[in-house]
Amino acid sequence: MNDLEFLLNLDGEVYPLDSGYWVKFEAKKVQKSKTVPHGVKYSLTLHDKRNHRVVGYDNAHSFKSSKKYAARKETLDHVHKKIDIVPYEFESCAQLVEDFWNSVDYYIANS
């Protein structure tokens, strides 16, 4: 199974974690475009026990970064970290999943 198939197979999965946190995966194959050059729409989210999204990696919509960046990002890939939204450099589906789980671990360990 390649990493795109792995991500697509996670679509709809919800995993409960310790301390009331939970994660949700959404992933759909789409036609490649300028804003979605890798051909997959995704939303990987971590929610707290009050069901608030506290971390999210997605490309489901355009975004305006809360931080200033020198270069304007053409793709829709970005990360939600509480109220901040920052661009995300998509490398591969496998890297996306790894980066997401690293962010989940970091957030839970530091909350």
PDB file of N, CA and C in Angstrom:
ATOM      1  N   MET A   1       0.851  -1.175   0.000  1.00  0.00           N
ATOM      2  CA  MET A   1       0.000   0.000   0.000  1.00  0.00           C
ATOM      3  C   MET A   1       0.897   1.239   0.000  1.00  0.00           C
ATOM      4  N   ASN A   2       0.623   2.172  -0.901  1.00  0.00           N
ATOM      5  CA  ASN A   2       1.425   3.395  -0.913  1.00  0.00           C
ATOM      6  C   ASN A   2       0.869   4.386   0.107  1.00  0.00           C
ATOM      7  N   ASP A   3       1.579   5.506   0.305  1.00  0.00           N
ATOM      8  CA  ASP A   3       1.167   6.425   1.359  1.00  0.00           C
ATOM      9  C   ASP A   3      -0.135   7.154   1.039  1.00  0.00           C
ATOM     10  N   LEU A   4      -0.464   7.375  -0.248  1.00  0.00           N
ATOM     11  CA  LEU A   4      -1.753   7.969  -0.596  1.00  0.00           C
ATOM     12  C   LEU A   4      -2.879   7.018  -0.203  1.00  0.00           C
ATOM     13  N   GLU A   5      -2.751   5.737  -0.546  1.00  0.00           N
ATOM     14  CA  GLU A   5      -3.769   4.752  -0.175  1.00  0.00           C
ATOM     15  C   GLU A   5      -3.913   4.671   1.344  1.00  0.00           C
ATOM     16  N   PHE A   6      -2.789   4.735   2.062  1.00  0.00           N
ATOM     17  CA  PHE A   6      -2.825   4.704   3.525  1.00  0.00           C
ATOM     18  C   PHE A   6      -3.651   5.862   4.067  1.00  0.00           C
ATOM     19  N   LEU A   7      -3.388   7.085   3.561  1.00  0.00           N
ATOM     20  CA  LEU A   7      -4.144   8.251   4.006  1.00  0.00           C
ATOM     21  C   LEU A   7      -5.620   8.117   3.634  1.00  0.00           C
ATOM     22  N   LEU A   8      -5.911   7.696   2.416  1.00  0.00           N
ATOM     23  CA  LEU A   8      -7.302   7.541   1.980  1.00  0.00           C
ATOM     24  C   LEU A   8      -8.046   6.505   2.827  1.00  0.00           C
ATOM     25  N   ASN A   9      -7.347   5.469   3.259  1.00  0.00           N
ATOM     26  CA  ASN A   9      -7.961   4.438   4.104  1.00  0.00           C
ATOM     27  C   ASN A   9      -8.290   4.952   5.506  1.00  0.00           C
ATOM     28  N   LEU A  10      -7.664   6.064   5.917  1.00  0.00           N
ATOM     29  CA  LEU A  10      -7.966   6.655   7.220  1.00  0.00           C
ATOM     30  C   LEU A  10      -9.254   7.496   7.197  1.00  0.00           C
ATOM     31  N   ASP A  11      -9.777   7.778   6.003  1.00  0.00           N
ATOM     32  CA  ASP A  11     -10.955   8.636   5.875  1.00  0.00           C
ATOM     33  C   ASP A  11     -12.102   8.133   6.756  1.00  0.00           C
ATOM     34  N   GLY A  12     -12.619   9.033   7.582  1.00  0.00           N
ATOM     35  CA  GLY A  12     -13.741   8.700   8.453  1.00  0.00           C
ATOM     36  C   GLY A  12     -13.360   8.105   9.794  1.00  0.00           C
ATOM     37  N   GLU A  13     -12.088   7.816   9.989  1.00  0.00           N
ATOM     38  CA  GLU A  13     -11.645   7.214  11.249  1.00  0.00           C
ATOM     39  C   GLU A  13     -11.610   8.261  12.360  1.00  0.00           C
ATOM     40  N   VAL A  14     -12.060   7.850  13.546  1.00  0.00           N
ATOM     41  CA  VAL A  14     -12.009   8.677  14.744  1.00  0.00           C
ATOM     42  C   VAL A  14     -11.357   7.832  15.832  1.00  0.00           C
ATOM     43  N   TYR A  15     -10.329   8.398  16.489  1.00  0.00           N
ATOM     44  CA  TYR A  15      -9.607   7.662  17.511  1.00  0.00           C
ATOM     45  C   TYR A  15      -9.643   8.415  18.837  1.00  0.00           C
ATOM     46  N   PRO A  16     -10.195   7.801  19.892  1.00  0.00           N
ATOM     47  CA  PRO A  16     -10.140   8.422  21.214  1.00  0.00           C
ATOM     48  C   PRO A  16      -8.729   8.290  21.779  1.00  0.00           C
ATOM     49  N   LEU A  17      -8.267   9.337  22.453  1.00  0.00           N
ATOM     50  CA  LEU A  17      -6.945   9.348  23.068  1.00  0.00           C
ATOM     51  C   LEU A  17      -7.087   9.561  24.576  1.00  0.00           C
ATOM     52  N   ASP A  18      -5.968   9.597  25.277  1.00  0.00           N
ATOM     53  CA  ASP A  18      -5.971   9.835  26.716  1.00  0.00           C
ATOM     54  C   ASP A  18      -6.518  11.225  27.046  1.00  0.00           C
ATOM     55  N   SER A  19      -6.999  11.394  28.242  1.00  0.00           N
ATOM     56  CA  SER A  19      -7.447  12.680  28.785  1.00  0.00           C
ATOM     57  C   SER A  19      -8.608  13.305  28.020  1.00  0.00           C
ATOM     58  N   GLY A  20      -9.379  12.504  27.309  1.00  0.00           N
ATOM     59  CA  GLY A  20     -10.550  13.020  26.623  1.00  0.00           C
ATOM     60  C   GLY A  20     -10.301  13.584  25.239  1.00  0.00           C
ATOM     61  N   TYR A  21      -9.062  13.623  24.788  1.00  0.00           N
ATOM     62  CA  TYR A  21      -8.761  14.088  23.438  1.00  0.00           C
ATOM     63  C   TYR A  21      -9.187  13.034  22.424  1.00  0.00           C
ATOM     64  N   TRP A  22      -9.415  13.461  21.187  1.00  0.00           N
ATOM     65  CA  TRP A  22      -9.720  12.527  20.105  1.00  0.00           C
ATOM     66  C   TRP A  22      -9.284  13.137  18.784  1.00  0.00           C
ATOM     67  N   VAL A  23      -8.986  12.264  17.818  1.00  0.00           N
ATOM     68  CA  VAL A  23      -8.571  12.717  16.493  1.00  0.00           C
ATOM     69  C   VAL A  23      -9.545  12.200  15.447  1.00  0.00           C
ATOM     70  N   LYS A  24      -9.622  12.950  14.359  1.00  0.00           N
ATOM     71  CA  LYS A  24     -10.501  12.579  13.254  1.00  0.00           C
ATOM     72  C   LYS A  24      -9.735  12.768  11.949  1.00  0.00           C
ATOM     73  N   PHE A  25      -9.904  11.815  11.037  1.00  0.00           N
ATOM     74  CA  PHE A  25      -9.253  11.865   9.729  1.00  0.00           C
ATOM     75  C   PHE A  25     -10.299  11.965   8.624  1.00  0.00           C
ATOM     76  N   GLU A  26     -10.085  12.869   7.692  1.00  0.00           N
ATOM     77  CA  GLU A  26     -10.887  12.954   6.477  1.00  0.00           C
ATOM     78  C   GLU A  26      -9.907  13.074   5.321  1.00  0.00           C
ATOM     79  N   ALA A  27     -10.103  12.289   4.271  1.00  0.00           N
ATOM     80  CA  ALA A  27      -9.221  12.328   3.102  1.00  0.00           C
ATOM     81  C   ALA A  27      -9.968  11.812   1.884  1.00  0.00           C
ATOM     82  N   LYS A  28      -9.912  12.588   0.828  1.00  0.00           N
ATOM     83  CA  LYS A  28     -10.575  12.219  -0.430  1.00  0.00           C
ATOM     84  C   LYS A  28      -9.644  12.518  -1.592  1.00  0.00           C
ATOM     85  N   LYS A  29      -9.597  11.605  -2.536  1.00  0.00           N
ATOM     86  CA  LYS A  29      -8.820  11.827  -3.747  1.00  0.00           C
ATOM     87  C   LYS A  29      -9.573  12.818  -4.628  1.00  0.00           C
ATOM     88  N   VAL A  30      -8.868  13.823  -5.148  1.00  0.00           N
ATOM     89  CA  VAL A  30      -9.466  14.838  -6.022  1.00  0.00           C
ATOM     90  C   VAL A  30      -8.545  15.053  -7.215  1.00  0.00           C
ATOM     91  N   GLN A  31      -9.060  15.752  -8.197  1.00  0.00           N
ATOM     92  CA  GLN A  31      -8.235  16.078  -9.361  1.00  0.00           C
ATOM     93  C   GLN A  31      -7.135  17.054  -8.941  1.00  0.00           C
ATOM     94  N   LYS A  32      -5.937  16.829  -9.432  1.00  0.00           N
ATOM     95  CA  LYS A  32      -4.825  17.728  -9.127  1.00  0.00           C
ATOM     96  C   LYS A  32      -5.101  19.101  -9.725  1.00  0.00           C
ATOM     97  N   SER A  33      -4.691  20.130  -9.002  1.00  0.00           N
ATOM     98  CA  SER A  33      -4.875  21.507  -9.455  1.00  0.00           C
ATOM     99  C   SER A  33      -3.748  22.364  -8.898  1.00  0.00           C
ATOM    100  N   LYS A  34      -3.758  23.627  -9.220  1.00  0.00           N
ATOM    101  CA  LYS A  34      -2.733  24.548  -8.714  1.00  0.00           C
ATOM    102  C   LYS A  34      -2.771  24.627  -7.189  1.00  0.00           C
ATOM    103  N   THR A  35      -3.965  24.640  -6.607  1.00  0.00           N
ATOM    104  CA  THR A  35      -4.085  24.753  -5.162  1.00  0.00           C
ATOM    105  C   THR A  35      -4.040  23.411  -4.426  1.00  0.00           C
ATOM    106  N   VAL A  36      -4.246  22.313  -5.164  1.00  0.00           N
ATOM    107  CA  VAL A  36      -4.163  20.961  -4.584  1.00  0.00           C
ATOM    108  C   VAL A  36      -3.311  20.101  -5.523  1.00  0.00           C
ATOM    109  N   PRO A  37      -2.005  20.381  -5.595  1.00  0.00           N
ATOM    110  CA  PRO A  37      -1.143  19.703  -6.568  1.00  0.00           C
ATOM    111  C   PRO A  37      -0.900  18.214  -6.287  1.00  0.00           C
ATOM    112  N   HIS A  38      -1.161  17.765  -5.066  1.00  0.00           N
ATOM    113  CA  HIS A  38      -0.938  16.358  -4.708  1.00  0.00           C
ATOM    114  C   HIS A  38      -2.179  15.500  -4.910  1.00  0.00           C
ATOM    115  N   GLY A  39      -3.322  16.113  -5.265  1.00  0.00           N
ATOM    116  CA  GLY A  39      -4.518  15.353  -5.606  1.00  0.00           C
ATOM    117  C   GLY A  39      -5.265  14.737  -4.446  1.00  0.00           C
ATOM    118  N   VAL A  40      -5.133  15.290  -3.250  1.00  0.00           N
ATOM    119  CA  VAL A  40      -5.889  14.779  -2.105  1.00  0.00           C
ATOM    120  C   VAL A  40      -6.348  15.953  -1.239  1.00  0.00           C
ATOM    121  N   LYS A  41      -7.648  15.952  -0.913  1.00  0.00           N
ATOM    122  CA  LYS A  41      -8.207  16.906   0.046  1.00  0.00           C
ATOM    123  C   LYS A  41      -8.192  16.200   1.391  1.00  0.00           C
ATOM    124  N   TYR A  42      -7.732  16.888   2.426  1.00  0.00           N
ATOM    125  CA  TYR A  42      -7.595  16.232   3.718  1.00  0.00           C
ATOM    126  C   TYR A  42      -7.912  17.183   4.863  1.00  0.00           C
ATOM    127  N   SER A  43      -8.281  16.592   5.982  1.00  0.00           N
ATOM    128  CA  SER A  43      -8.472  17.296   7.238  1.00  0.00           C
ATOM    129  C   SER A  43      -8.145  16.311   8.348  1.00  0.00           C
ATOM    130  N   LEU A  44      -7.064  16.577   9.066  1.00  0.00           N
ATOM    131  CA  LEU A  44      -6.634  15.743  10.189  1.00  0.00           C
ATOM    132  C   LEU A  44      -6.715  16.635  11.412  1.00  0.00           C
ATOM    133  N   THR A  45      -7.561  16.277  12.377  1.00  0.00           N
ATOM    134  CA  THR A  45      -7.819  17.179  13.490  1.00  0.00           C
ATOM    135  C   THR A  45      -7.714  16.500  14.848  1.00  0.00           C
ATOM    136  N   LEU A  46      -7.240  17.286  15.820  1.00  0.00           N
ATOM    137  CA  LEU A  46      -7.208  16.894  17.226  1.00  0.00           C
ATOM    138  C   LEU A  46      -8.231  17.758  17.951  1.00  0.00           C
ATOM    139  N   HIS A  47      -9.075  17.106  18.755  1.00  0.00           N
ATOM    140  CA  HIS A  47     -10.119  17.811  19.505  1.00  0.00           C
ATOM    141  C   HIS A  47      -9.927  17.560  20.995  1.00  0.00           C
ATOM    142  N   ASP A  48     -10.282  18.571  21.807  1.00  0.00           N
ATOM    143  CA  ASP A  48     -10.194  18.386  23.252  1.00  0.00           C
ATOM    144  C   ASP A  48     -11.481  17.770  23.790  1.00  0.00           C
ATOM    145  N   LYS A  49     -11.540  17.583  25.110  1.00  0.00           N
ATOM    146  CA  LYS A  49     -12.698  16.911  25.704  1.00  0.00           C
ATOM    147  C   LYS A  49     -13.982  17.730  25.588  1.00  0.00           C
ATOM    148  N   ARG A  50     -13.869  19.012  25.244  1.00  0.00           N
ATOM    149  CA  ARG A  50     -15.048  19.849  25.005  1.00  0.00           C
ATOM    150  C   ARG A  50     -15.403  19.889  23.512  1.00  0.00           C
ATOM    151  N   ASN A  51     -14.749  19.023  22.744  1.00  0.00           N
ATOM    152  CA  ASN A  51     -14.956  18.886  21.292  1.00  0.00           C
ATOM    153  C   ASN A  51     -14.495  20.092  20.487  1.00  0.00           C
ATOM    154  N   HIS A  52     -13.591  20.897  21.045  1.00  0.00           N
ATOM    155  CA  HIS A  52     -13.010  22.008  20.305  1.00  0.00           C
ATOM    156  C   HIS A  52     -11.791  21.525  19.533  1.00  0.00           C
ATOM    157  N   ARG A  53     -11.692  21.912  18.264  1.00  0.00           N
ATOM    158  CA  ARG A  53     -10.491  21.573  17.501  1.00  0.00           C
ATOM    159  C   ARG A  53      -9.342  22.410  18.061  1.00  0.00           C
ATOM    160  N   VAL A  54      -8.255  21.736  18.426  1.00  0.00           N
ATOM    161  CA  VAL A  54      -7.100  22.443  18.967  1.00  0.00           C
ATOM    162  C   VAL A  54      -5.902  22.371  18.029  1.00  0.00           C
ATOM    163  N   VAL A  55      -5.869  21.384  17.157  1.00  0.00           N
ATOM    164  CA  VAL A  55      -4.848  21.271  16.116  1.00  0.00           C
ATOM    165  C   VAL A  55      -5.535  20.702  14.882  1.00  0.00           C
ATOM    166  N   GLY A  56      -5.221  21.250  13.731  1.00  0.00           N
ATOM    167  CA  GLY A  56      -5.793  20.722  12.503  1.00  0.00           C
ATOM    168  C   GLY A  56      -4.876  20.959  11.322  1.00  0.00           C
ATOM    169  N   TYR A  57      -4.671  19.932  10.534  1.00  0.00           N
ATOM    170  CA  TYR A  57      -3.934  20.023   9.272  1.00  0.00           C
ATOM    171  C   TYR A  57      -4.970  19.839   8.172  1.00  0.00           C
ATOM    172  N   ASP A  58      -5.091  20.806   7.267  1.00  0.00           N
ATOM    173  CA  ASP A  58      -6.061  20.623   6.202  1.00  0.00           C
ATOM    174  C   ASP A  58      -5.750  21.481   4.990  1.00  0.00           C
ATOM    175  N   ASN A  59      -6.469  21.184   3.927  1.00  0.00           N
ATOM    176  CA  ASN A  59      -6.414  21.977   2.704  1.00  0.00           C
ATOM    177  C   ASN A  59      -7.830  22.099   2.141  1.00  0.00           C
ATOM    178  N   ALA A  60      -8.797  22.145   3.038  1.00  0.00           N
ATOM    179  CA  ALA A  60     -10.197  22.155   2.644  1.00  0.00           C
ATOM    180  C   ALA A  60     -10.701  23.532   2.226  1.00  0.00           C
ATOM    181  N   HIS A  61      -9.914  24.562   2.497  1.00  0.00           N
ATOM    182  CA  HIS A  61     -10.362  25.922   2.199  1.00  0.00           C
ATOM    183  C   HIS A  61      -9.157  26.843   2.090  1.00  0.00           C
ATOM    184  N   SER A  62      -9.379  28.001   1.514  1.00  0.00           N
ATOM    185  CA  SER A  62      -8.307  28.988   1.484  1.00  0.00           C
ATOM    186  C   SER A  62      -8.149  29.550   2.894  1.00  0.00           C
ATOM    187  N   PHE A  63      -7.055  30.224   3.138  1.00  0.00           N
ATOM    188  CA  PHE A  63      -6.816  30.734   4.481  1.00  0.00           C
ATOM    189  C   PHE A  63      -6.010  32.017   4.404  1.00  0.00           C
ATOM    190  N   LYS A  64      -6.138  32.783   5.436  1.00  0.00           N
ATOM    191  CA  LYS A  64      -5.320  33.976   5.602  1.00  0.00           C
ATOM    192  C   LYS A  64      -4.514  33.745   6.867  1.00  0.00           C
ATOM    193  N   SER A  65      -3.227  33.670   6.711  1.00  0.00           N
ATOM    194  CA  SER A  65      -2.362  33.369   7.839  1.00  0.00           C
ATOM    195  C   SER A  65      -2.404  34.483   8.871  1.00  0.00           C
ATOM    196  N   SER A  66      -2.368  34.086  10.118  1.00  0.00           N
ATOM    197  CA  SER A  66      -2.301  35.062  11.193  1.00  0.00           C
ATOM    198  C   SER A  66      -0.869  35.541  11.394  1.00  0.00           C
ATOM    199  N   LYS A  67       0.050  34.946  10.704  1.00  0.00           N
ATOM    200  CA  LYS A  67       1.465  35.339  10.751  1.00  0.00           C
ATOM    201  C   LYS A  67       1.836  35.952   9.407  1.00  0.00           C
ATOM    202  N   LYS A  68       2.875  36.763   9.389  1.00  0.00           N
ATOM    203  CA  LYS A  68       3.331  37.367   8.136  1.00  0.00           C
ATOM    204  C   LYS A  68       4.400  36.480   7.510  1.00  0.00           C
ATOM    205  N   TYR A  69       4.227  36.178   6.237  1.00  0.00           N
ATOM    206  CA  TYR A  69       5.184  35.361   5.499  1.00  0.00           C
ATOM    207  C   TYR A  69       5.618  36.111   4.260  1.00  0.00           C
ATOM    208  N   ALA A  70       6.896  35.981   3.930  1.00  0.00           N
ATOM    209  CA  ALA A  70       7.456  36.724   2.798  1.00  0.00           C
ATOM    210  C   ALA A  70       6.826  36.293   1.475  1.00  0.00           C
ATOM    211  N   ALA A  71       6.659  35.014   1.273  1.00  0.00           N
ATOM    212  CA  ALA A  71       6.123  34.507   0.003  1.00  0.00           C
ATOM    213  C   ALA A  71       4.645  34.157   0.158  1.00  0.00           C
ATOM    214  N   ARG A  72       3.867  34.482  -0.822  1.00  0.00           N
ATOM    215  CA  ARG A  72       2.438  34.147  -0.826  1.00  0.00           C
ATOM    216  C   ARG A  72       2.299  32.674  -1.200  1.00  0.00           C
ATOM    217  N   LYS A  73       1.580  31.926  -0.414  1.00  0.00           N
ATOM    218  CA  LYS A  73       1.409  30.495  -0.636  1.00  0.00           C
ATOM    219  C   LYS A  73       0.276  30.259  -1.625  1.00  0.00           C
ATOM    220  N   GLU A  74       0.519  29.446  -2.648  1.00  0.00           N
ATOM    221  CA  GLU A  74      -0.495  29.177  -3.666  1.00  0.00           C
ATOM    222  C   GLU A  74      -1.357  27.972  -3.334  1.00  0.00           C
ATOM    223  N   THR A  75      -0.831  27.028  -2.557  1.00  0.00           N
ATOM    224  CA  THR A  75      -1.632  25.854  -2.228  1.00  0.00           C
ATOM    225  C   THR A  75      -2.497  26.138  -1.008  1.00  0.00           C
ATOM    226  N   LEU A  76      -3.455  25.271  -0.760  1.00  0.00           N
ATOM    227  CA  LEU A  76      -4.370  25.447   0.362  1.00  0.00           C
ATOM    228  C   LEU A  76      -3.867  24.797   1.649  1.00  0.00           C
ATOM    229  N   ASP A  77      -2.748  24.092   1.614  1.00  0.00           N
ATOM    230  CA  ASP A  77      -2.244  23.358   2.769  1.00  0.00           C
ATOM    231  C   ASP A  77      -1.893  24.309   3.913  1.00  0.00           C
ATOM    232  N   HIS A  78      -2.421  23.996   5.107  1.00  0.00           N
ATOM    233  CA  HIS A  78      -2.136  24.830   6.271  1.00  0.00           C
ATOM    234  C   HIS A  78      -2.409  24.062   7.560  1.00  0.00           C
ATOM    235  N   VAL A  79      -1.980  24.675   8.674  1.00  0.00           N
ATOM    236  CA  VAL A  79      -2.145  24.077   9.994  1.00  0.00           C
ATOM    237  C   VAL A  79      -2.877  25.074  10.891  1.00  0.00           C
ATOM    238  N   HIS A  80      -3.874  24.577  11.613  1.00  0.00           N
ATOM    239  CA  HIS A  80      -4.551  25.358  12.639  1.00  0.00           C
ATOM    240  C   HIS A  80      -3.928  24.962  13.975  1.00  0.00           C
ATOM    241  N   LYS A  81      -3.430  25.944  14.694  1.00  0.00           N
ATOM    242  CA  LYS A  81      -2.905  25.711  16.045  1.00  0.00           C
ATOM    243  C   LYS A  81      -3.638  26.656  16.963  1.00  0.00           C
ATOM    244  N   LYS A  82      -4.682  26.150  17.590  1.00  0.00           N
ATOM    245  CA  LYS A  82      -5.618  26.970  18.365  1.00  0.00           C
ATOM    246  C   LYS A  82      -6.143  28.067  17.458  1.00  0.00           C
ATOM    247  N   ILE A  83      -5.777  29.333  17.684  1.00  0.00           N
ATOM    248  CA  ILE A  83      -6.321  30.406  16.848  1.00  0.00           C
ATOM    249  C   ILE A  83      -5.394  30.785  15.700  1.00  0.00           C
ATOM    250  N   ASP A  84      -4.157  30.309  15.695  1.00  0.00           N
ATOM    251  CA  ASP A  84      -3.216  30.622  14.620  1.00  0.00           C
ATOM    252  C   ASP A  84      -3.424  29.695  13.429  1.00  0.00           C
ATOM    253  N   ILE A  85      -3.210  30.240  12.238  1.00  0.00           N
ATOM    254  CA  ILE A  85      -3.214  29.445  11.017  1.00  0.00           C
ATOM    255  C   ILE A  85      -1.903  29.734  10.303  1.00  0.00           C
ATOM    256  N   VAL A  86      -1.145  28.679  10.006  1.00  0.00           N
ATOM    257  CA  VAL A  86       0.142  28.845   9.355  1.00  0.00           C
ATOM    258  C   VAL A  86       0.227  27.924   8.133  1.00  0.00           C
ATOM    259  N   PRO A  87       0.949  28.340   7.099  1.00  0.00           N
ATOM    260  CA  PRO A  87       1.105  27.471   5.922  1.00  0.00           C
ATOM    261  C   PRO A  87       1.774  26.148   6.285  1.00  0.00           C
ATOM    262  N   TYR A  88       1.439  25.127   5.542  1.00  0.00           N
ATOM    263  CA  TYR A  88       2.051  23.808   5.717  1.00  0.00           C
ATOM    264  C   TYR A  88       2.656  23.394   4.383  1.00  0.00           C
ATOM    265  N   GLU A  89       3.891  22.950   4.410  1.00  0.00           N
ATOM    266  CA  GLU A  89       4.564  22.481   3.197  1.00  0.00           C
ATOM    267  C   GLU A  89       4.326  20.985   3.040  1.00  0.00           C
ATOM    268  N   PHE A  90       3.371  20.634   2.198  1.00  0.00           N
ATOM    269  CA  PHE A  90       3.022  19.241   1.956  1.00  0.00           C
ATOM    270  C   PHE A  90       4.148  18.573   1.173  1.00  0.00           C
ATOM    271  N   GLU A  91       4.708  17.499   1.736  1.00  0.00           N
ATOM    272  CA  GLU A  91       5.756  16.726   1.059  1.00  0.00           C
ATOM    273  C   GLU A  91       5.202  15.413   0.531  1.00  0.00           C
ATOM    274  N   SER A  92       4.437  14.732   1.377  1.00  0.00           N
ATOM    275  CA  SER A  92       3.849  13.441   1.014  1.00  0.00           C
ATOM    276  C   SER A  92       2.753  13.121   2.014  1.00  0.00           C
ATOM    277  N   CYS A  93       1.917  12.174   1.656  1.00  0.00           N
ATOM    278  CA  CYS A  93       0.861  11.759   2.569  1.00  0.00           C
ATOM    279  C   CYS A  93       1.438  11.160   3.843  1.00  0.00           C
ATOM    280  N   ALA A  94       2.495  10.379   3.702  1.00  0.00           N
ATOM    281  CA  ALA A  94       3.124   9.772   4.875  1.00  0.00           C
ATOM    282  C   ALA A  94       3.697  10.843   5.799  1.00  0.00           C
ATOM    283  N   GLN A  95       4.339  11.860   5.223  1.00  0.00           N
ATOM    284  CA  GLN A  95       4.904  12.938   6.027  1.00  0.00           C
ATOM    285  C   GLN A  95       3.799  13.736   6.714  1.00  0.00           C
ATOM    286  N   LEU A  96       2.687  13.945   6.020  1.00  0.00           N
ATOM    287  CA  LEU A  96       1.537  14.645   6.600  1.00  0.00           C
ATOM    288  C   LEU A  96       1.058  13.921   7.855  1.00  0.00           C
ATOM    289  N   VAL A  97       0.855  12.623   7.756  1.00  0.00           N
ATOM    290  CA  VAL A  97       0.368  11.848   8.903  1.00  0.00           C
ATOM    291  C   VAL A  97       1.393  11.892  10.038  1.00  0.00           C
ATOM    292  N   GLU A  98       2.668  11.755   9.707  1.00  0.00           N
ATOM    293  CA  GLU A  98       3.711  11.816  10.738  1.00  0.00           C
ATOM    294  C   GLU A  98       3.738  13.189  11.402  1.00  0.00           C
ATOM    295  N   ASP A  99       3.687  14.265  10.614  1.00  0.00           N
ATOM    296  CA  ASP A  99       3.691  15.620  11.175  1.00  0.00           C
ATOM    297  C   ASP A  99       2.479  15.845  12.067  1.00  0.00           C
ATOM    298  N   PHE A 100       1.323  15.357  11.630  1.00  0.00           N
ATOM    299  CA  PHE A 100       0.111  15.496  12.433  1.00  0.00           C
ATOM    300  C   PHE A 100       0.268  14.805  13.780  1.00  0.00           C
ATOM    301  N   TRP A 101       0.702  13.532  13.772  1.00  0.00           N
ATOM    302  CA  TRP A 101       0.852  12.812  15.043  1.00  0.00           C
ATOM    303  C   TRP A 101       1.910  13.459  15.929  1.00  0.00           C
ATOM    304  N   ASN A 102       2.969  14.008  15.347  1.00  0.00           N
ATOM    305  CA  ASN A 102       3.966  14.728  16.145  1.00  0.00           C
ATOM    306  C   ASN A 102       3.344  15.952  16.800  1.00  0.00           C
ATOM    307  N   SER A 103       2.496  16.680  16.068  1.00  0.00           N
ATOM    308  CA  SER A 103       1.808  17.843  16.637  1.00  0.00           C
ATOM    309  C   SER A 103       0.837  17.429  17.738  1.00  0.00           C
ATOM    310  N   VAL A 104       0.141  16.317  17.538  1.00  0.00           N
ATOM    311  CA  VAL A 104      -0.777  15.802  18.559  1.00  0.00           C
ATOM    312  C   VAL A 104       0.000  15.490  19.834  1.00  0.00           C
ATOM    313  N   ASP A 105       1.094  14.740  19.702  1.00  0.00           N
ATOM    314  CA  ASP A 105       1.907  14.385  20.867  1.00  0.00           C
ATOM    315  C   ASP A 105       2.422  15.627  21.579  1.00  0.00           C
ATOM    316  N   TYR A 106       2.898  16.608  20.812  1.00  0.00           N
ATOM    317  CA  TYR A 106       3.442  17.841  21.384  1.00  0.00           C
ATOM    318  C   TYR A 106       2.345  18.614  22.112  1.00  0.00           C
ATOM    319  N   TYR A 107       1.196  18.746  21.490  1.00  0.00           N
ATOM    320  CA  TYR A 107       0.101  19.520  22.100  1.00  0.00           C
ATOM    321  C   TYR A 107      -0.336  18.871  23.409  1.00  0.00           C
ATOM    322  N   ILE A 108      -0.570  17.574  23.393  1.00  0.00           N
ATOM    323  CA  ILE A 108      -1.045  16.889  24.606  1.00  0.00           C
ATOM    324  C   ILE A 108      -0.006  16.953  25.717  1.00  0.00           C
ATOM    325  N   ALA A 109       1.266  16.790  25.365  1.00  0.00           N
ATOM    326  CA  ALA A 109       2.328  16.825  26.373  1.00  0.00           C
ATOM    327  C   ALA A 109       2.498  18.218  26.977  1.00  0.00           C
ATOM    328  N   ASN A 110       2.108  19.247  26.246  1.00  0.00           N
ATOM    329  CA  ASN A 110       2.324  20.614  26.718  1.00  0.00           C
ATOM    330  C   ASN A 110       1.048  21.350  27.109  1.00  0.00           C
ATOM    331  N   SER A 111      -0.060  20.627  27.256  1.00  0.00           N
ATOM    332  CA  SER A 111      -1.292  21.306  27.667  1.00  0.00           C
ATOM    333  C   SER A 111      -1.541  21.150  29.150  1.00  0.00           C
TER     334      SER A 111
END
